[in-house]
Amino acid sequence: MYDVIVIGGGPSGLMAAVSAAKHGANTLLIDKGDKLGRKLAISGGGRCNVTNRKPIDELIQFIPGNGRFMYSPFSIFNNEDIINFFEQLGILLKEEDHGRMFPITDKAQTVVNTLINKIKEYQVEIRLNTPVKEMVFNEDSVEAVKLENGELLHAHSIIVAVGGMSVPHTGSTGDGYPWAKQAGHTITELYPTEVPITSNEGFIKEKALQGLSLRDVSLSVFNTKGKLVKTHRGDMIFTHFGLSGPAALRCSQYVVKTLKKAKVPTTEMQIDLFPEQSGEALFQSITKAMKAEPKKAFKNVVKGMAPERFLQFLFETVEIDSSSQSASISHEKVRQFTKMLKQFSFQVNGTLPLEKAFVTGGGVSVKEVEPKTMQSKKKKGLYFCGEVLDIHGYTGGYNITCAFSTGYTAGKGAAERILV
């Protein structure tokens, strides 16, 4: 009989095991894979963005999926606690743009190894290649887990930390949802978030802009009535199937929701290459430059305003002979060109599937989980943490912060339940 069993060796499960053992519980960590921390090892492009240093209220704004729920777990273990936790274990962190925190080694494996060493130091029992078949419940609480091989493992508390459905090669294959349902929980609809966006536009299919990056642009999603749904500012890249890059990933969930709500095949997106400047101001600055050098070729007047390939694409779209002298280009054409720089509009038809997403939207309803302990409101002794919950943030350290915070909170809650 264990005090606490943690199922899943990802970010939230590793932290839950550390926390449960730290708070005095005899803990078992089981994972169906052959090694722990697989998702953690590939996070942050293999560098592991362990958290984000933004103030809590700001942090919550970057967690569009039930971020407010996180106020309670953050009151127990927040981003500054995560930083202190790793630094006390000898992992020095550095702050990069937008508050993102990385180990100075730039190696995710450093973080994984340190967590595993800490778990071993706390004498947590680890069982790998151990898939769980189902949970065993009585009327009001959880009693045991039944393994695929038929073995029963009894525990006072069981923490489900098996992730969502995204990045399935790391072991996140939705195992936790049936167990939660069995316990009487609601699973909100699952959908991909932080995922590349797809488009059937001619210029995408023809790969006219494939591989082209745009820096610090505003990317917007509109609904079918032309109303702005969401704008995100950042970098993006055109791909052979649509758009990717940070700004596109952040917009992706709004594309999914807009298409679903309107029940339409496509919706509009726009790129603004000059978010700091009004369309009129941009038009005036271009015409002023043209007047200053009327004999200069138009392409040389606007050179540097955007990547050359993108400008060339706009010249062709607006039908401007870019080698013509500035003086010969009509105001009408310049207005059209300016509008394309400010409102480059195209239709999108969805996103890549859930297994290609960085993050799963939806999951175990947070209304049915105690935020101070992460315990189920349906079955005593059952806890949830990490991506199995209906909580999701943008990329940039927000999801892993939620995973570590809910994991630590669940471990503490599960241990204290027994020791009280």
Protein backbone atom coordinates (compact mmCIF):
# COMPACT_ATOMS: atom_id res chain seq x y z
CA MET A 1 0.00 0.00 0.00
CA TYR A 2 1.46 3.33 -1.09
CA ASP A 3 0.58 6.74 0.31
CA VAL A 4 0.67 8.30 -3.17
CA ILE A 5 0.88 6.88 -6.68
CA VAL A 6 1.72 9.34 -9.49
CA ILE A 7 0.84 8.17 -13.01
CA GLY A 8 2.91 9.88 -15.69
CA GLY A 9 6.52 11.01 -15.78
CA GLY A 10 6.15 14.31 -17.64
CA PRO A 11 6.67 17.81 -16.17
CA SER A 12 3.62 17.74 -13.87
CA GLY A 13 4.15 14.10 -12.81
CA LEU A 14 7.83 14.58 -11.96
CA MET A 15 7.02 17.66 -9.91
CA ALA A 16 4.07 15.88 -8.22
CA ALA A 17 6.37 13.00 -7.19
CA VAL A 18 8.98 15.42 -5.79
CA SER A 19 6.30 17.34 -3.89
CA ALA A 20 4.49 14.27 -2.48
CA ALA A 21 7.76 12.75 -1.23
CA LYS A 22 8.98 16.10 0.12
CA HIS A 23 5.76 16.36 2.13
CA GLY A 24 6.39 12.97 3.71
CA ALA A 25 4.45 10.53 1.49
CA ASN A 26 5.66 7.06 0.52
CA THR A 27 5.44 7.61 -3.23
CA LEU A 28 5.42 5.48 -6.38
CA LEU A 29 5.90 7.06 -9.83
CA ILE A 30 4.78 4.94 -12.78
CA ASP A 31 5.08 5.62 -16.49
CA LYS A 32 4.14 3.49 -19.49
CA GLY A 33 7.26 4.59 -21.41
CA ASP A 34 10.84 3.48 -21.07
CA LYS A 35 12.15 6.79 -19.73
CA LEU A 36 10.95 9.75 -17.68
CA GLY A 37 10.65 13.34 -18.84
CA ARG A 38 10.32 12.76 -22.57
CA LYS A 39 8.11 15.80 -23.18
CA LEU A 40 10.27 17.92 -20.89
CA ALA A 41 13.38 16.90 -22.85
CA ILE A 42 11.99 18.35 -26.11
CA SER A 43 10.37 21.46 -24.59
CA GLY A 44 11.58 24.93 -25.56
CA GLY A 45 13.19 23.50 -28.71
CA GLY A 46 15.24 21.13 -26.56
CA ARG A 47 16.39 23.97 -24.29
CA CYS A 48 13.49 23.69 -21.78
CA ASN A 49 11.74 26.99 -21.10
CA VAL A 50 11.19 26.13 -17.39
CA THR A 51 8.90 29.06 -16.59
CA ASN A 52 8.11 32.69 -17.33
CA ARG A 53 9.02 35.51 -14.98
CA LYS A 54 6.05 37.80 -15.67
CA PRO A 55 4.04 39.05 -12.66
CA ILE A 56 1.21 36.65 -11.73
CA ASP A 57 -1.64 38.80 -13.11
CA GLU A 58 0.19 39.10 -16.42
CA LEU A 59 1.02 35.40 -16.40
CA ILE A 60 -2.70 34.57 -16.05
CA GLN A 61 -3.45 36.68 -19.16
CA PHE A 62 -1.14 34.41 -21.16
CA ILE A 63 -3.13 31.34 -20.08
CA PRO A 64 -6.31 31.80 -22.16
CA GLY A 65 -7.63 28.36 -21.19
CA ASN A 66 -9.04 28.80 -17.63
CA GLY A 67 -6.08 30.87 -16.45
CA ARG A 68 -8.03 32.27 -13.49
CA PHE A 69 -8.14 28.78 -11.98
CA MET A 70 -4.35 29.05 -11.61
CA TYR A 71 -4.52 31.78 -8.91
CA SER A 72 -4.86 29.06 -6.22
CA PRO A 73 -2.06 26.72 -7.39
CA PHE A 74 0.14 29.80 -7.90
CA SER A 75 -0.52 30.81 -4.27
CA ILE A 76 1.14 27.49 -3.31
CA PHE A 77 3.88 27.20 -5.95
CA ASN A 78 4.34 29.99 -8.50
CA ASN A 79 6.86 30.96 -11.17
CA GLU A 80 9.32 32.48 -8.66
CA ASP A 81 9.08 29.28 -6.58
CA ILE A 82 9.90 27.27 -9.73
CA ILE A 83 12.99 29.46 -10.32
CA ASN A 84 14.10 29.05 -6.66
CA PHE A 85 13.43 25.29 -6.78
CA PHE A 86 15.75 24.76 -9.75
CA GLU A 87 18.42 27.21 -8.59
CA GLN A 88 18.58 25.46 -5.19
CA LEU A 89 19.18 22.22 -7.08
CA GLY A 90 22.14 23.84 -8.81
CA ILE A 91 20.51 24.69 -12.15
CA LEU A 92 21.31 28.31 -12.92
CA LEU A 93 18.67 30.03 -15.04
CA LYS A 94 18.83 32.99 -17.40
CA GLU A 95 16.05 35.31 -18.50
CA GLU A 96 15.44 35.83 -22.22
CA ASP A 97 12.92 37.93 -24.16
CA HIS A 98 9.32 38.21 -22.87
CA GLY A 99 10.27 36.83 -19.43
CA ARG A 100 11.18 33.32 -20.64
CA MET A 101 13.51 31.44 -18.27
CA PHE A 102 16.02 28.85 -19.54
CA PRO A 103 18.83 26.85 -17.91
CA ILE A 104 22.15 28.51 -18.71
CA THR A 105 23.30 25.17 -20.16
CA ASP A 106 20.55 25.55 -22.85
CA LYS A 107 19.92 21.82 -22.39
CA ALA A 108 16.51 20.46 -21.39
CA GLN A 109 18.15 17.20 -20.33
CA THR A 110 19.83 19.09 -17.45
CA VAL A 111 16.38 19.86 -16.05
CA VAL A 112 15.12 16.29 -16.60
CA ASN A 113 18.18 14.70 -14.94
CA THR A 114 18.01 17.06 -11.95
CA LEU A 115 14.33 16.29 -11.34
CA ILE A 116 14.94 12.53 -11.62
CA ASN A 117 17.90 12.78 -9.22
CA LYS A 118 15.72 14.69 -6.75
CA ILE A 119 13.01 12.01 -6.98
CA LYS A 120 15.59 9.29 -6.31
CA GLU A 121 17.03 11.30 -3.40
CA TYR A 122 13.53 11.36 -1.87
CA GLN A 123 13.41 7.54 -2.34
CA VAL A 124 10.42 7.63 -4.68
CA GLU A 125 9.93 4.20 -6.21
CA ILE A 126 10.00 4.38 -10.04
CA ARG A 127 8.40 1.84 -12.36
CA LEU A 128 8.85 2.30 -16.11
CA ASN A 129 7.19 0.33 -18.94
CA THR A 130 4.17 0.04 -16.65
CA PRO A 131 0.95 0.93 -18.46
CA VAL A 132 -2.16 1.48 -16.33
CA LYS A 133 -5.35 -0.16 -17.57
CA GLU A 134 -7.93 1.41 -15.25
CA MET A 135 -8.68 2.93 -11.86
CA VAL A 136 -10.45 1.08 -9.08
CA PHE A 137 -12.99 3.21 -7.20
CA ASN A 138 -15.39 2.62 -4.36
CA GLU A 139 -18.46 4.80 -3.84
CA ASP A 140 -16.69 7.94 -2.76
CA SER A 141 -12.95 7.50 -3.29
CA VAL A 142 -10.19 5.96 -5.38
CA GLU A 143 -8.65 2.73 -4.11
CA ALA A 144 -6.11 1.42 -6.60
CA VAL A 145 -4.78 1.34 -10.13
CA LYS A 146 -5.02 -1.81 -12.20
CA LEU A 147 -2.06 -2.35 -14.52
CA GLU A 148 -2.29 -3.84 -18.03
CA ASN A 149 -0.73 -7.04 -16.63
CA GLY A 150 -3.60 -7.36 -14.12
CA GLU A 151 -1.58 -6.28 -11.06
CA LEU A 152 -3.41 -4.09 -8.54
CA LEU A 153 -1.52 -1.26 -6.82
CA HIS A 154 -3.32 0.22 -3.81
CA ALA A 155 -2.83 3.79 -2.59
CA HIS A 156 -4.46 6.39 -0.35
CA SER A 157 -4.07 9.01 -3.08
CA ILE A 158 -3.57 8.71 -6.84
CA ILE A 159 -2.37 11.57 -9.04
CA VAL A 160 -3.19 11.50 -12.76
CA ALA A 161 -0.44 13.36 -14.65
CA VAL A 162 -0.59 11.68 -18.06
CA GLY A 163 -0.83 14.78 -20.28
CA GLY A 164 -3.26 15.51 -23.10
CA MET A 165 -3.29 14.37 -26.74
CA SER A 166 -0.60 16.61 -28.23
CA VAL A 167 2.93 15.36 -29.07
CA PRO A 168 1.80 11.69 -28.78
CA HIS A 169 5.28 10.25 -29.39
CA THR A 170 6.18 11.41 -25.87
CA GLY A 171 3.40 9.24 -24.45
CA SER A 172 0.54 11.78 -24.31
CA THR A 173 -2.21 9.71 -25.87
CA GLY A 174 -5.25 10.78 -23.85
CA ASP A 175 -5.07 7.90 -21.34
CA GLY A 176 -6.39 10.00 -18.46
CA TYR A 177 -9.73 11.01 -19.98
CA PRO A 178 -11.48 7.60 -19.66
CA TRP A 179 -10.28 7.27 -16.04
CA ALA A 180 -11.63 10.74 -15.24
CA LYS A 181 -14.95 9.90 -16.92
CA GLN A 182 -15.11 6.68 -14.90
CA ALA A 183 -14.81 8.84 -11.77
CA GLY A 184 -17.76 10.96 -12.97
CA HIS A 185 -15.78 13.87 -14.40
CA THR A 186 -16.74 16.00 -17.39
CA ILE A 187 -14.20 16.08 -20.22
CA THR A 188 -14.60 19.35 -22.12
CA GLU A 189 -14.18 19.14 -25.88
CA LEU A 190 -10.58 18.53 -26.96
CA TYR A 191 -9.03 20.68 -29.70
CA PRO A 192 -5.55 21.67 -30.88
CA THR A 193 -3.96 24.88 -29.57
CA GLU A 194 -0.51 26.31 -30.25
CA VAL A 195 -0.60 24.60 -33.64
CA PRO A 196 0.26 25.72 -37.20
CA ILE A 197 -2.64 27.17 -39.26
CA THR A 198 -3.69 25.79 -42.65
CA SER A 199 -4.87 27.64 -45.77
CA ASN A 200 -5.94 26.73 -49.30
CA GLU A 201 -5.10 30.14 -50.75
CA GLY A 202 -3.44 30.02 -54.18
CA PHE A 203 -0.22 31.63 -52.97
CA ILE A 204 0.07 28.98 -50.22
CA LYS A 205 -0.61 26.05 -52.57
CA GLU A 206 1.84 27.47 -55.11
CA LYS A 207 4.40 27.88 -52.28
CA ALA A 208 4.94 31.48 -53.45
CA LEU A 209 5.97 32.61 -49.94
CA GLN A 210 7.04 29.28 -48.41
CA GLY A 211 9.83 29.67 -45.85
CA LEU A 212 9.44 33.46 -45.66
CA SER A 213 9.57 34.90 -42.14
CA LEU A 214 7.97 38.18 -41.08
CA ARG A 215 9.25 39.80 -37.89
CA ASP A 216 7.18 41.58 -35.23
CA VAL A 217 3.95 41.80 -37.21
CA SER A 218 0.35 41.88 -35.98
CA LEU A 219 -1.59 38.80 -36.98
CA SER A 220 -5.38 38.94 -36.64
CA VAL A 221 -8.28 36.50 -36.85
CA PHE A 222 -11.68 37.80 -38.02
CA ASN A 223 -15.05 36.11 -37.83
CA THR A 224 -17.36 35.61 -40.82
CA LYS A 225 -19.04 38.98 -40.15
CA GLY A 226 -15.68 40.73 -40.45
CA LYS A 227 -15.43 41.40 -36.69
CA LEU A 228 -11.99 41.16 -35.09
CA VAL A 229 -11.70 38.06 -32.88
CA LYS A 230 -8.06 38.25 -31.75
CA THR A 231 -4.75 39.91 -32.62
CA HIS A 232 -1.32 38.63 -31.65
CA ARG A 233 1.94 40.41 -32.25
CA GLY A 234 5.15 38.56 -32.98
CA ASP A 235 7.08 36.66 -35.61
CA MET A 236 5.53 34.28 -38.15
CA ILE A 237 6.53 32.16 -41.12
CA PHE A 238 4.73 31.07 -44.29
CA THR A 239 4.83 27.29 -44.81
CA HIS A 240 3.82 24.92 -47.62
CA PHE A 241 0.44 24.41 -45.90
CA GLY A 242 -0.22 27.80 -44.25
CA LEU A 243 1.38 29.69 -41.36
CA SER A 244 3.52 28.87 -38.37
CA GLY A 245 5.76 30.71 -35.92
CA PRO A 246 4.88 32.23 -32.51
CA ALA A 247 2.16 34.71 -33.66
CA ALA A 248 0.41 32.04 -35.76
CA LEU A 249 0.54 29.44 -32.97
CA ARG A 250 -1.07 31.91 -30.57
CA CYS A 251 -3.84 32.71 -33.05
CA SER A 252 -4.55 29.05 -33.82
CA GLN A 253 -7.11 28.34 -31.09
CA TYR A 254 -9.15 31.37 -32.22
CA VAL A 255 -9.19 30.02 -35.79
CA VAL A 256 -10.47 26.66 -34.48
CA LYS A 257 -13.18 28.32 -32.34
CA THR A 258 -14.27 30.81 -35.04
CA LEU A 259 -14.71 28.10 -37.68
CA LYS A 260 -16.57 25.85 -35.24
CA LYS A 261 -18.89 28.60 -34.00
CA ALA A 262 -19.84 29.82 -37.49
CA LYS A 263 -19.86 26.30 -39.01
CA VAL A 264 -18.04 27.63 -42.08
CA PRO A 265 -15.11 26.16 -44.05
CA THR A 266 -12.90 29.29 -43.97
CA THR A 267 -12.42 32.56 -42.13
CA GLU A 268 -10.28 35.67 -42.70
CA MET A 269 -6.87 36.48 -41.25
CA GLN A 270 -4.82 39.64 -41.77
CA ILE A 271 -1.16 40.55 -41.37
CA ASP A 272 -0.16 44.10 -40.47
CA LEU A 273 3.55 44.64 -41.17
CA PHE A 274 3.51 48.11 -39.58
CA PRO A 275 1.48 47.76 -36.36
CA GLU A 276 2.94 50.98 -34.92
CA GLN A 277 1.86 53.13 -37.87
CA SER A 278 -1.58 54.03 -39.26
CA GLY A 279 -2.32 53.25 -42.90
CA GLU A 280 -2.53 56.93 -43.73
CA ALA A 281 0.84 57.73 -42.08
CA LEU A 282 2.46 54.86 -43.97
CA PHE A 283 0.93 56.04 -47.27
CA GLN A 284 2.19 59.59 -46.65
CA SER A 285 5.72 58.42 -45.84
CA ILE A 286 5.86 56.33 -49.06
CA THR A 287 4.53 59.18 -51.25
CA LYS A 288 6.93 61.63 -49.59
CA ALA A 289 9.87 59.32 -50.41
CA MET A 290 8.60 58.99 -54.01
CA LYS A 291 8.33 62.77 -54.42
CA ALA A 292 11.83 63.23 -53.03
CA GLU A 293 13.28 60.94 -55.70
CA PRO A 294 10.82 60.83 -58.62
CA LYS A 295 13.30 59.17 -60.99
CA LYS A 296 14.18 56.37 -58.56
CA ALA A 297 12.67 52.94 -59.30
CA PHE A 298 9.68 52.29 -57.06
CA LYS A 299 11.19 49.03 -55.75
CA ASN A 300 14.22 50.99 -54.51
CA VAL A 301 12.04 53.60 -52.79
CA VAL A 302 10.25 50.92 -50.72
CA LYS A 303 13.29 48.65 -50.32
CA GLY A 304 13.70 47.37 -46.78
CA MET A 305 10.07 47.96 -45.78
CA ALA A 306 9.53 44.19 -45.90
CA PRO A 307 11.54 41.17 -47.06
CA GLU A 308 12.31 41.48 -50.78
CA ARG A 309 10.38 38.35 -51.67
CA PHE A 310 7.27 39.64 -49.94
CA LEU A 311 7.54 43.04 -51.65
CA GLN A 312 7.93 41.32 -55.02
CA PHE A 313 4.78 39.29 -54.30
CA LEU A 314 2.88 42.52 -53.47
CA PHE A 315 4.10 44.27 -56.65
CA GLU A 316 2.74 41.39 -58.72
CA THR A 317 -0.55 41.25 -56.78
CA VAL A 318 -1.18 45.00 -57.10
CA GLU A 319 0.21 44.99 -60.67
CA ILE A 320 2.95 47.55 -60.11
CA ASP A 321 5.94 47.50 -62.43
CA SER A 322 8.47 47.82 -59.64
CA SER A 323 11.32 48.91 -61.91
CA SER A 324 9.26 51.91 -63.13
CA GLN A 325 10.20 55.35 -61.89
CA SER A 326 8.33 56.51 -58.78
CA ALA A 327 6.78 59.43 -60.63
CA SER A 328 4.97 57.07 -63.02
CA ILE A 329 3.18 55.05 -60.29
CA SER A 330 -0.38 56.23 -59.66
CA HIS A 331 -1.62 57.22 -56.19
CA GLU A 332 -4.27 54.55 -56.56
CA LYS A 333 -1.61 51.83 -56.94
CA VAL A 334 0.41 53.19 -54.02
CA ARG A 335 -2.75 53.14 -51.86
CA GLN A 336 -3.38 49.51 -52.83
CA PHE A 337 0.23 48.63 -52.07
CA THR A 338 0.07 50.40 -48.68
CA LYS A 339 -3.17 48.61 -47.82
CA MET A 340 -1.48 45.26 -48.53
CA LEU A 341 1.32 46.15 -46.09
CA LYS A 342 -1.25 47.07 -43.42
CA GLN A 343 -3.98 44.52 -44.17
CA PHE A 344 -2.56 41.54 -46.02
CA SER A 345 -5.75 39.49 -46.05
CA PHE A 346 -6.22 35.76 -46.76
CA GLN A 347 -8.57 32.91 -45.89
CA VAL A 348 -7.63 30.06 -43.55
CA ASN A 349 -9.44 26.75 -43.24
CA GLY A 350 -8.25 25.33 -39.93
CA THR A 351 -5.13 23.97 -38.30
CA LEU A 352 -2.98 20.87 -38.33
CA PRO A 353 -4.50 18.04 -36.23
CA LEU A 354 -4.29 17.69 -32.44
CA GLU A 355 -1.34 15.30 -32.55
CA LYS A 356 0.69 18.01 -34.35
CA ALA A 357 -0.22 20.64 -31.72
CA PHE A 358 2.12 21.76 -28.94
CA VAL A 359 -0.78 21.90 -26.49
CA THR A 360 -4.19 20.26 -25.99
CA GLY A 361 -7.20 22.53 -25.47
CA GLY A 362 -9.99 21.04 -23.32
CA GLY A 363 -9.72 18.21 -20.80
CA VAL A 364 -10.90 17.43 -17.26
CA SER A 365 -13.23 20.28 -16.27
CA VAL A 366 -11.57 22.55 -13.70
CA LYS A 367 -15.00 23.20 -12.12
CA GLU A 368 -14.75 19.66 -10.73
CA VAL A 369 -11.27 20.03 -9.20
CA GLU A 370 -10.32 21.74 -5.91
CA PRO A 371 -7.84 24.47 -6.95
CA LYS A 372 -6.00 24.55 -3.58
CA THR A 373 -5.19 20.82 -3.63
CA MET A 374 -6.01 19.61 -7.19
CA GLN A 375 -8.23 16.91 -5.63
CA SER A 376 -11.26 15.66 -7.54
CA LYS A 377 -14.62 16.93 -6.27
CA LYS A 378 -16.09 13.61 -7.46
CA LYS A 379 -13.80 11.04 -5.80
CA LYS A 380 -11.66 11.56 -2.69
CA GLY A 381 -7.99 10.76 -3.08
CA LEU A 382 -8.02 11.31 -6.85
CA TYR A 383 -5.90 14.21 -8.08
CA PHE A 384 -5.24 15.74 -11.50
CA CYS A 385 -2.39 17.94 -12.70
CA GLY A 386 -0.83 19.20 -15.91
CA GLU A 387 -2.25 19.00 -19.41
CA VAL A 388 -4.93 16.40 -18.65
CA LEU A 389 -6.83 19.36 -17.15
CA ASP A 390 -8.78 21.89 -19.21
CA ILE A 391 -6.03 24.51 -18.78
CA HIS A 392 -3.81 25.79 -21.57
CA GLY A 393 -1.43 28.67 -22.11
CA TYR A 394 0.47 30.14 -25.00
CA THR A 395 3.97 28.88 -25.76
CA GLY A 396 6.67 30.80 -23.92
CA GLY A 397 6.89 28.96 -20.60
CA TYR A 398 3.21 29.31 -19.61
CA ASN A 399 2.12 25.67 -20.03
CA ILE A 400 5.12 24.28 -18.22
CA THR A 401 4.52 26.78 -15.41
CA CYS A 402 0.96 25.43 -15.10
CA ALA A 403 2.31 21.85 -15.18
CA PHE A 404 4.90 22.45 -12.45
CA SER A 405 2.49 24.50 -10.31
CA THR A 406 -0.46 22.06 -10.51
CA GLY A 407 1.97 19.12 -10.10
CA TYR A 408 3.53 20.53 -6.96
CA THR A 409 0.08 21.47 -5.57
CA ALA A 410 -1.31 17.98 -6.30
CA GLY A 411 1.71 16.28 -4.67
CA LYS A 412 1.38 18.42 -1.56
CA GLY A 413 -2.40 17.96 -1.42
CA ALA A 414 -2.15 14.18 -1.87
CA ALA A 415 0.53 13.82 0.82
CA GLU A 416 -1.19 16.09 3.34
CA ARG A 417 -4.50 14.25 2.93
CA ILE A 418 -2.87 11.13 4.39
CA LEU A 419 -0.70 12.77 7.00
CA VAL A 420 -3.44 14.92 8.54
